[in-house]
Amino acid sequence: MALDKQTVASLAEHLETCELQARDTAKITDEHPDMDWDDAYAIQDEILRRKLARGARIIGLKAGLTSHAKMKQMGVDAPVFGFLVDS
């Protein structure tokens, strides 16, 4: 991981606030180009923790970048995974 816990928490708060307020945000990798997959999943885990603390419930999981063509286009070699909550 390239990011420390405080940065992970700050980015999670920023991204979730943008979601809740329906605001655009610049790509976080613009300011943190050394971010890796572990960092991204740590931010996602913190966002999930915040949502669950407010009473959200996990209702499903999701996968993205599942086609080989899209993975190649995006420069990744594996799908990404996330969660869905009831809100």
PDB file of N, CA and C in Angstrom:
ATOM      1  N   MET A   1       0.842  -1.191   0.000  1.00  0.00           N
ATOM      2  CA  MET A   1       0.000   0.000   0.000  1.00  0.00           C
ATOM      3  C   MET A   1       0.881   1.247   0.000  1.00  0.00           C
ATOM      4  N   ALA A   2       0.473   2.213  -0.785  1.00  0.00           N
ATOM      5  CA  ALA A   2       1.222   3.467  -0.863  1.00  0.00           C
ATOM      6  C   ALA A   2       0.630   4.534   0.057  1.00  0.00           C
ATOM      7  N   LEU A   3      -0.637   4.384   0.431  1.00  0.00           N
ATOM      8  CA  LEU A   3      -1.325   5.406   1.221  1.00  0.00           C
ATOM      9  C   LEU A   3      -1.380   5.018   2.694  1.00  0.00           C
ATOM     10  N   ASP A   4      -1.249   6.021   3.568  1.00  0.00           N
ATOM     11  CA  ASP A   4      -1.385   5.747   4.994  1.00  0.00           C
ATOM     12  C   ASP A   4      -2.866   5.749   5.386  1.00  0.00           C
ATOM     13  N   LYS A   5      -3.151   5.307   6.597  1.00  0.00           N
ATOM     14  CA  LYS A   5      -4.541   5.167   7.054  1.00  0.00           C
ATOM     15  C   LYS A   5      -5.293   6.496   7.046  1.00  0.00           C
ATOM     16  N   GLN A   6      -4.618   7.568   7.414  1.00  0.00           N
ATOM     17  CA  GLN A   6      -5.268   8.882   7.434  1.00  0.00           C
ATOM     18  C   GLN A   6      -5.672   9.310   6.016  1.00  0.00           C
ATOM     19  N   THR A   7      -4.824   9.073   5.049  1.00  0.00           N
ATOM     20  CA  THR A   7      -5.141   9.426   3.661  1.00  0.00           C
ATOM     21  C   THR A   7      -6.286   8.570   3.146  1.00  0.00           C
ATOM     22  N   VAL A   8      -6.270   7.276   3.465  1.00  0.00           N
ATOM     23  CA  VAL A   8      -7.366   6.384   3.073  1.00  0.00           C
ATOM     24  C   VAL A   8      -8.682   6.905   3.643  1.00  0.00           C
ATOM     25  N   ALA A   9      -8.695   7.244   4.930  1.00  0.00           N
ATOM     26  CA  ALA A   9      -9.918   7.737   5.571  1.00  0.00           C
ATOM     27  C   ALA A   9     -10.372   9.056   4.952  1.00  0.00           C
ATOM     28  N   SER A  10      -9.437   9.945   4.666  1.00  0.00           N
ATOM     29  CA  SER A  10      -9.767  11.237   4.063  1.00  0.00           C
ATOM     30  C   SER A  10     -10.352  11.071   2.663  1.00  0.00           C
ATOM     31  N   LEU A  11      -9.750  10.198   1.873  1.00  0.00           N
ATOM     32  CA  LEU A  11     -10.258   9.960   0.518  1.00  0.00           C
ATOM     33  C   LEU A  11     -11.627   9.292   0.550  1.00  0.00           C
ATOM     34  N   ALA A  12     -11.821   8.368   1.479  1.00  0.00           N
ATOM     35  CA  ALA A  12     -13.130   7.719   1.609  1.00  0.00           C
ATOM     36  C   ALA A  12     -14.200   8.747   1.959  1.00  0.00           C
ATOM     37  N   GLU A  13     -13.888   9.627   2.897  1.00  0.00           N
ATOM     38  CA  GLU A  13     -14.842  10.672   3.275  1.00  0.00           C
ATOM     39  C   GLU A  13     -15.140  11.576   2.080  1.00  0.00           C
ATOM     40  N   HIS A  14     -14.111  11.978   1.371  1.00  0.00           N
ATOM     41  CA  HIS A  14     -14.283  12.851   0.205  1.00  0.00           C
ATOM     42  C   HIS A  14     -15.175  12.195  -0.851  1.00  0.00           C
ATOM     43  N   LEU A  15     -14.870  10.951  -1.203  1.00  0.00           N
ATOM     44  CA  LEU A  15     -15.635  10.264  -2.250  1.00  0.00           C
ATOM     45  C   LEU A  15     -17.083  10.032  -1.822  1.00  0.00           C
ATOM     46  N   GLU A  16     -17.277   9.637  -0.572  1.00  0.00           N
ATOM     47  CA  GLU A  16     -18.642   9.405  -0.120  1.00  0.00           C
ATOM     48  C   GLU A  16     -19.433  10.704  -0.047  1.00  0.00           C
ATOM     49  N   THR A  17     -18.801  11.777   0.379  1.00  0.00           N
ATOM     50  CA  THR A  17     -19.475  13.076   0.413  1.00  0.00           C
ATOM     51  C   THR A  17     -19.890  13.499  -0.995  1.00  0.00           C
ATOM     52  N   CYS A  18     -19.017  13.304  -1.964  1.00  0.00           N
ATOM     53  CA  CYS A  18     -19.370  13.617  -3.348  1.00  0.00           C
ATOM     54  C   CYS A  18     -20.561  12.782  -3.800  1.00  0.00           C
ATOM     55  N   GLU A  19     -20.566  11.517  -3.433  1.00  0.00           N
ATOM     56  CA  GLU A  19     -21.710  10.656  -3.777  1.00  0.00           C
ATOM     57  C   GLU A  19     -22.992  11.174  -3.141  1.00  0.00           C
ATOM     58  N   LEU A  20     -22.948  11.459  -1.848  1.00  0.00           N
ATOM     59  CA  LEU A  20     -24.150  11.878  -1.121  1.00  0.00           C
ATOM     60  C   LEU A  20     -24.672  13.225  -1.599  1.00  0.00           C
ATOM     61  N   GLN A  21     -23.767  14.085  -2.046  1.00  0.00           N
ATOM     62  CA  GLN A  21     -24.162  15.413  -2.522  1.00  0.00           C
ATOM     63  C   GLN A  21     -24.281  15.469  -4.045  1.00  0.00           C
ATOM     64  N   ALA A  22     -24.130  14.336  -4.699  1.00  0.00           N
ATOM     65  CA  ALA A  22     -24.208  14.238  -6.166  1.00  0.00           C
ATOM     66  C   ALA A  22     -23.276  15.254  -6.833  1.00  0.00           C
ATOM     67  N   ARG A  23     -22.028  15.308  -6.334  1.00  0.00           N
ATOM     68  CA  ARG A  23     -21.022  16.217  -6.891  1.00  0.00           C
ATOM     69  C   ARG A  23     -19.968  15.421  -7.645  1.00  0.00           C
ATOM     70  N   ASP A  24     -19.462  16.012  -8.716  1.00  0.00           N
ATOM     71  CA  ASP A  24     -18.343  15.422  -9.438  1.00  0.00           C
ATOM     72  C   ASP A  24     -17.073  15.562  -8.615  1.00  0.00           C
ATOM     73  N   THR A  25     -16.119  14.714  -8.913  1.00  0.00           N
ATOM     74  CA  THR A  25     -14.807  14.817  -8.278  1.00  0.00           C
ATOM     75  C   THR A  25     -13.749  14.436  -9.302  1.00  0.00           C
ATOM     76  N   ALA A  26     -12.605  15.026  -9.152  1.00  0.00           N
ATOM     77  CA  ALA A  26     -11.483  14.644 -10.016  1.00  0.00           C
ATOM     78  C   ALA A  26     -11.026  13.240  -9.629  1.00  0.00           C
ATOM     79  N   LYS A  27     -10.387  12.549 -10.563  1.00  0.00           N
ATOM     80  CA  LYS A  27      -9.846  11.224 -10.247  1.00  0.00           C
ATOM     81  C   LYS A  27      -8.872  11.354  -9.083  1.00  0.00           C
ATOM     82  N   ILE A  28      -9.040  10.516  -8.083  1.00  0.00           N
ATOM     83  CA  ILE A  28      -8.148  10.612  -6.926  1.00  0.00           C
ATOM     84  C   ILE A  28      -6.733  10.180  -7.271  1.00  0.00           C
ATOM     85  N   THR A  29      -6.564   9.433  -8.339  1.00  0.00           N
ATOM     86  CA  THR A  29      -5.215   9.039  -8.747  1.00  0.00           C
ATOM     87  C   THR A  29      -4.438  10.214  -9.335  1.00  0.00           C
ATOM     88  N   ASP A  30      -5.127  11.303  -9.699  1.00  0.00           N
ATOM     89  CA  ASP A  30      -4.404  12.493 -10.163  1.00  0.00           C
ATOM     90  C   ASP A  30      -3.505  13.039  -9.048  1.00  0.00           C
ATOM     91  N   GLU A  31      -4.015  13.025  -7.806  1.00  0.00           N
ATOM     92  CA  GLU A  31      -3.230  13.516  -6.661  1.00  0.00           C
ATOM     93  C   GLU A  31      -2.439  12.409  -5.977  1.00  0.00           C
ATOM     94  N   HIS A  32      -2.794  11.166  -6.253  1.00  0.00           N
ATOM     95  CA  HIS A  32      -2.139  10.016  -5.615  1.00  0.00           C
ATOM     96  C   HIS A  32      -1.767   8.985  -6.685  1.00  0.00           C
ATOM     97  N   PRO A  33      -0.839   9.341  -7.576  1.00  0.00           N
ATOM     98  CA  PRO A  33      -0.525   8.453  -8.697  1.00  0.00           C
ATOM     99  C   PRO A  33       0.110   7.126  -8.289  1.00  0.00           C
ATOM    100  N   ASP A  34       0.626   7.027  -7.073  1.00  0.00           N
ATOM    101  CA  ASP A  34       1.248   5.790  -6.628  1.00  0.00           C
ATOM    102  C   ASP A  34       0.258   4.820  -5.988  1.00  0.00           C
ATOM    103  N   MET A  35      -1.017   5.221  -5.949  1.00  0.00           N
ATOM    104  CA  MET A  35      -2.050   4.343  -5.389  1.00  0.00           C
ATOM    105  C   MET A  35      -2.019   2.988  -6.072  1.00  0.00           C
ATOM    106  N   ASP A  36      -2.263   1.948  -5.298  1.00  0.00           N
ATOM    107  CA  ASP A  36      -2.341   0.617  -5.889  1.00  0.00           C
ATOM    108  C   ASP A  36      -3.704  -0.006  -5.566  1.00  0.00           C
ATOM    109  N   TRP A  37      -3.893  -1.250  -6.011  1.00  0.00           N
ATOM    110  CA  TRP A  37      -5.191  -1.915  -5.796  1.00  0.00           C
ATOM    111  C   TRP A  37      -5.500  -2.059  -4.310  1.00  0.00           C
ATOM    112  N   ASP A  38      -4.481  -2.341  -3.491  1.00  0.00           N
ATOM    113  CA  ASP A  38      -4.717  -2.464  -2.053  1.00  0.00           C
ATOM    114  C   ASP A  38      -5.247  -1.153  -1.470  1.00  0.00           C
ATOM    115  N   ASP A  39      -4.701  -0.031  -1.935  1.00  0.00           N
ATOM    116  CA  ASP A  39      -5.195   1.275  -1.497  1.00  0.00           C
ATOM    117  C   ASP A  39      -6.647   1.475  -1.913  1.00  0.00           C
ATOM    118  N   ALA A  40      -6.936   1.157  -3.166  1.00  0.00           N
ATOM    119  CA  ALA A  40      -8.300   1.347  -3.678  1.00  0.00           C
ATOM    120  C   ALA A  40      -9.304   0.515  -2.883  1.00  0.00           C
ATOM    121  N   TYR A  41      -8.963  -0.732  -2.618  1.00  0.00           N
ATOM    122  CA  TYR A  41      -9.877  -1.577  -1.844  1.00  0.00           C
ATOM    123  C   TYR A  41      -9.954  -1.124  -0.386  1.00  0.00           C
ATOM    124  N   ALA A  42      -8.882  -0.570   0.170  1.00  0.00           N
ATOM    125  CA  ALA A  42      -8.926  -0.030   1.534  1.00  0.00           C
ATOM    126  C   ALA A  42      -9.874   1.172   1.594  1.00  0.00           C
ATOM    127  N   ILE A  43      -9.844   2.023   0.579  1.00  0.00           N
ATOM    128  CA  ILE A  43     -10.769   3.155   0.517  1.00  0.00           C
ATOM    129  C   ILE A  43     -12.197   2.640   0.403  1.00  0.00           C
ATOM    130  N   GLN A  44     -12.412   1.652  -0.454  1.00  0.00           N
ATOM    131  CA  GLN A  44     -13.743   1.073  -0.597  1.00  0.00           C
ATOM    132  C   GLN A  44     -14.222   0.469   0.725  1.00  0.00           C
ATOM    133  N   ASP A  45     -13.345  -0.222   1.436  1.00  0.00           N
ATOM    134  CA  ASP A  45     -13.710  -0.812   2.726  1.00  0.00           C
ATOM    135  C   ASP A  45     -14.109   0.262   3.730  1.00  0.00           C
ATOM    136  N   GLU A  46     -13.391   1.387   3.712  1.00  0.00           N
ATOM    137  CA  GLU A  46     -13.727   2.484   4.629  1.00  0.00           C
ATOM    138  C   GLU A  46     -15.065   3.117   4.255  1.00  0.00           C
ATOM    139  N   ILE A  47     -15.335   3.268   2.983  1.00  0.00           N
ATOM    140  CA  ILE A  47     -16.640   3.785   2.560  1.00  0.00           C
ATOM    141  C   ILE A  47     -17.742   2.838   3.031  1.00  0.00           C
ATOM    142  N   LEU A  48     -17.528   1.542   2.862  1.00  0.00           N
ATOM    143  CA  LEU A  48     -18.520   0.569   3.330  1.00  0.00           C
ATOM    144  C   LEU A  48     -18.698   0.656   4.838  1.00  0.00           C
ATOM    145  N   ARG A  49     -17.619   0.769   5.590  1.00  0.00           N
ATOM    146  CA  ARG A  49     -17.713   0.885   7.043  1.00  0.00           C
ATOM    147  C   ARG A  49     -18.563   2.090   7.432  1.00  0.00           C
ATOM    148  N   ARG A  50     -18.345   3.212   6.758  1.00  0.00           N
ATOM    149  CA  ARG A  50     -19.105   4.434   7.044  1.00  0.00           C
ATOM    150  C   ARG A  50     -20.591   4.238   6.746  1.00  0.00           C
ATOM    151  N   LYS A  51     -20.887   3.608   5.626  1.00  0.00           N
ATOM    152  CA  LYS A  51     -22.285   3.364   5.252  1.00  0.00           C
ATOM    153  C   LYS A  51     -22.973   2.438   6.258  1.00  0.00           C
ATOM    154  N   LEU A  52     -22.294   1.365   6.637  1.00  0.00           N
ATOM    155  CA  LEU A  52     -22.871   0.424   7.604  1.00  0.00           C
ATOM    156  C   LEU A  52     -23.089   1.098   8.959  1.00  0.00           C
ATOM    157  N   ALA A  53     -22.195   1.988   9.346  1.00  0.00           N
ATOM    158  CA  ALA A  53     -22.336   2.713  10.616  1.00  0.00           C
ATOM    159  C   ALA A  53     -23.565   3.609  10.614  1.00  0.00           C
ATOM    160  N   ARG A  54     -23.977   4.049   9.427  1.00  0.00           N
ATOM    161  CA  ARG A  54     -25.185   4.876   9.314  1.00  0.00           C
ATOM    162  C   ARG A  54     -26.442   4.027   9.125  1.00  0.00           C
ATOM    163  N   GLY A  55     -26.298   2.710   9.160  1.00  0.00           N
ATOM    164  CA  GLY A  55     -27.465   1.843   9.080  1.00  0.00           C
ATOM    165  C   GLY A  55     -27.719   1.201   7.735  1.00  0.00           C
ATOM    166  N   ALA A  56     -26.862   1.420   6.767  1.00  0.00           N
ATOM    167  CA  ALA A  56     -27.034   0.776   5.459  1.00  0.00           C
ATOM    168  C   ALA A  56     -26.846  -0.729   5.614  1.00  0.00           C
ATOM    169  N   ARG A  57     -27.456  -1.466   4.704  1.00  0.00           N
ATOM    170  CA  ARG A  57     -27.310  -2.920   4.672  1.00  0.00           C
ATOM    171  C   ARG A  57     -26.756  -3.336   3.322  1.00  0.00           C
ATOM    172  N   ILE A  58     -25.834  -4.286   3.322  1.00  0.00           N
ATOM    173  CA  ILE A  58     -25.320  -4.846   2.068  1.00  0.00           C
ATOM    174  C   ILE A  58     -26.425  -5.711   1.466  1.00  0.00           C
ATOM    175  N   ILE A  59     -26.736  -5.449   0.194  1.00  0.00           N
ATOM    176  CA  ILE A  59     -27.764  -6.255  -0.473  1.00  0.00           C
ATOM    177  C   ILE A  59     -27.211  -7.021  -1.672  1.00  0.00           C
ATOM    178  N   GLY A  60     -25.954  -6.815  -1.986  1.00  0.00           N
ATOM    179  CA  GLY A  60     -25.375  -7.540  -3.104  1.00  0.00           C
ATOM    180  C   GLY A  60     -23.932  -7.145  -3.328  1.00  0.00           C
ATOM    181  N   LEU A  61     -23.328  -7.865  -4.240  1.00  0.00           N
ATOM    182  CA  LEU A  61     -21.957  -7.602  -4.647  1.00  0.00           C
ATOM    183  C   LEU A  61     -21.953  -7.330  -6.140  1.00  0.00           C
ATOM    184  N   LYS A  62     -20.912  -6.670  -6.611  1.00  0.00           N
ATOM    185  CA  LYS A  62     -20.835  -6.395  -8.047  1.00  0.00           C
ATOM    186  C   LYS A  62     -19.410  -6.603  -8.535  1.00  0.00           C
ATOM    187  N   ALA A  63     -19.315  -6.865  -9.807  1.00  0.00           N
ATOM    188  CA  ALA A  63     -18.017  -7.029 -10.449  1.00  0.00           C
ATOM    189  C   ALA A  63     -17.968  -6.105 -11.652  1.00  0.00           C
ATOM    190  N   GLY A  64     -16.833  -5.499 -11.873  1.00  0.00           N
ATOM    191  CA  GLY A  64     -16.650  -4.622 -13.020  1.00  0.00           C
ATOM    192  C   GLY A  64     -15.418  -5.028 -13.805  1.00  0.00           C
ATOM    193  N   LEU A  65     -15.321  -4.522 -14.995  1.00  0.00           N
ATOM    194  CA  LEU A  65     -14.214  -4.847 -15.900  1.00  0.00           C
ATOM    195  C   LEU A  65     -14.102  -6.358 -16.068  1.00  0.00           C
ATOM    196  N   THR A  66     -15.232  -6.982 -16.355  1.00  0.00           N
ATOM    197  CA  THR A  66     -15.246  -8.438 -16.468  1.00  0.00           C
ATOM    198  C   THR A  66     -14.940  -8.936 -17.877  1.00  0.00           C
ATOM    199  N   SER A  67     -15.014  -8.076 -18.874  1.00  0.00           N
ATOM    200  CA  SER A  67     -14.686  -8.526 -20.232  1.00  0.00           C
ATOM    201  C   SER A  67     -13.195  -8.295 -20.482  1.00  0.00           C
ATOM    202  N   HIS A  68     -12.592  -9.232 -21.183  1.00  0.00           N
ATOM    203  CA  HIS A  68     -11.160  -9.118 -21.475  1.00  0.00           C
ATOM    204  C   HIS A  68     -10.865  -7.879 -22.317  1.00  0.00           C
ATOM    205  N   ALA A  69     -11.776  -7.525 -23.211  1.00  0.00           N
ATOM    206  CA  ALA A  69     -11.574  -6.330 -24.040  1.00  0.00           C
ATOM    207  C   ALA A  69     -11.545  -5.069 -23.178  1.00  0.00           C
ATOM    208  N   LYS A  70     -12.473  -4.974 -22.214  1.00  0.00           N
ATOM    209  CA  LYS A  70     -12.515  -3.792 -21.348  1.00  0.00           C
ATOM    210  C   LYS A  70     -11.306  -3.757 -20.417  1.00  0.00           C
ATOM    211  N   MET A  71     -10.901  -4.922 -19.900  1.00  0.00           N
ATOM    212  CA  MET A  71      -9.700  -4.958 -19.055  1.00  0.00           C
ATOM    213  C   MET A  71      -8.494  -4.449 -19.838  1.00  0.00           C
ATOM    214  N   LYS A  72      -8.350  -4.906 -21.093  1.00  0.00           N
ATOM    215  CA  LYS A  72      -7.229  -4.467 -21.917  1.00  0.00           C
ATOM    216  C   LYS A  72      -7.303  -2.963 -22.166  1.00  0.00           C
ATOM    217  N   GLN A  73      -8.508  -2.469 -22.464  1.00  0.00           N
ATOM    218  CA  GLN A  73      -8.695  -1.041 -22.715  1.00  0.00           C
ATOM    219  C   GLN A  73      -8.306  -0.202 -21.502  1.00  0.00           C
ATOM    220  N   MET A  74      -8.630  -0.695 -20.299  1.00  0.00           N
ATOM    221  CA  MET A  74      -8.379   0.052 -19.071  1.00  0.00           C
ATOM    222  C   MET A  74      -7.001  -0.235 -18.471  1.00  0.00           C
ATOM    223  N   GLY A  75      -6.252  -1.163 -19.084  1.00  0.00           N
ATOM    224  CA  GLY A  75      -4.905  -1.451 -18.615  1.00  0.00           C
ATOM    225  C   GLY A  75      -4.847  -2.265 -17.331  1.00  0.00           C
ATOM    226  N   VAL A  76      -5.831  -3.112 -17.122  1.00  0.00           N
ATOM    227  CA  VAL A  76      -5.830  -3.981 -15.942  1.00  0.00           C
ATOM    228  C   VAL A  76      -5.889  -5.437 -16.390  1.00  0.00           C
ATOM    229  N   ASP A  77      -5.543  -6.327 -15.484  1.00  0.00           N
ATOM    230  CA  ASP A  77      -5.541  -7.747 -15.851  1.00  0.00           C
ATOM    231  C   ASP A  77      -6.479  -8.595 -15.003  1.00  0.00           C
ATOM    232  N   ALA A  78      -7.336  -7.940 -14.234  1.00  0.00           N
ATOM    233  CA  ALA A  78      -8.292  -8.679 -13.410  1.00  0.00           C
ATOM    234  C   ALA A  78      -9.536  -7.826 -13.205  1.00  0.00           C
ATOM    235  N   PRO A  79     -10.697  -8.451 -13.027  1.00  0.00           N
ATOM    236  CA  PRO A  79     -11.907  -7.698 -12.725  1.00  0.00           C
ATOM    237  C   PRO A  79     -11.770  -6.969 -11.380  1.00  0.00           C
ATOM    238  N   VAL A  80     -12.644  -6.017 -11.146  1.00  0.00           N
ATOM    239  CA  VAL A  80     -12.711  -5.326  -9.850  1.00  0.00           C
ATOM    240  C   VAL A  80     -14.027  -5.691  -9.193  1.00  0.00           C
ATOM    241  N   PHE A  81     -14.059  -5.616  -7.871  1.00  0.00           N
ATOM    242  CA  PHE A  81     -15.235  -6.049  -7.133  1.00  0.00           C
ATOM    243  C   PHE A  81     -15.680  -4.974  -6.159  1.00  0.00           C
ATOM    244  N   GLY A  82     -16.984  -4.905  -5.925  1.00  0.00           N
ATOM    245  CA  GLY A  82     -17.538  -3.927  -5.017  1.00  0.00           C
ATOM    246  C   GLY A  82     -18.780  -4.446  -4.338  1.00  0.00           C
ATOM    247  N   PHE A  83     -19.509  -3.563  -3.715  1.00  0.00           N
ATOM    248  CA  PHE A  83     -20.694  -3.915  -2.950  1.00  0.00           C
ATOM    249  C   PHE A  83     -21.871  -3.052  -3.372  1.00  0.00           C
ATOM    250  N   LEU A  84     -23.052  -3.500  -3.050  1.00  0.00           N
ATOM    251  CA  LEU A  84     -24.279  -2.725  -3.232  1.00  0.00           C
ATOM    252  C   LEU A  84     -24.970  -2.643  -1.879  1.00  0.00           C
ATOM    253  N   VAL A  85     -25.435  -1.450  -1.518  1.00  0.00           N
ATOM    254  CA  VAL A  85     -26.173  -1.285  -0.281  1.00  0.00           C
ATOM    255  C   VAL A  85     -27.613  -0.896  -0.600  1.00  0.00           C
ATOM    256  N   ASP A  86     -28.471  -0.988   0.389  1.00  0.00           N
ATOM    257  CA  ASP A  86     -29.900  -0.775   0.173  1.00  0.00           C
ATOM    258  C   ASP A  86     -30.265   0.646  -0.187  1.00  0.00           C
ATOM    259  N   SER A  87     -29.393   1.606   0.036  1.00  0.00           N
ATOM    260  CA  SER A  87     -29.741   2.984  -0.317  1.00  0.00           C
ATOM    261  C   SER A  87     -29.560   3.214  -1.793  1.00  0.00           C
TER     262      SER A  87
END
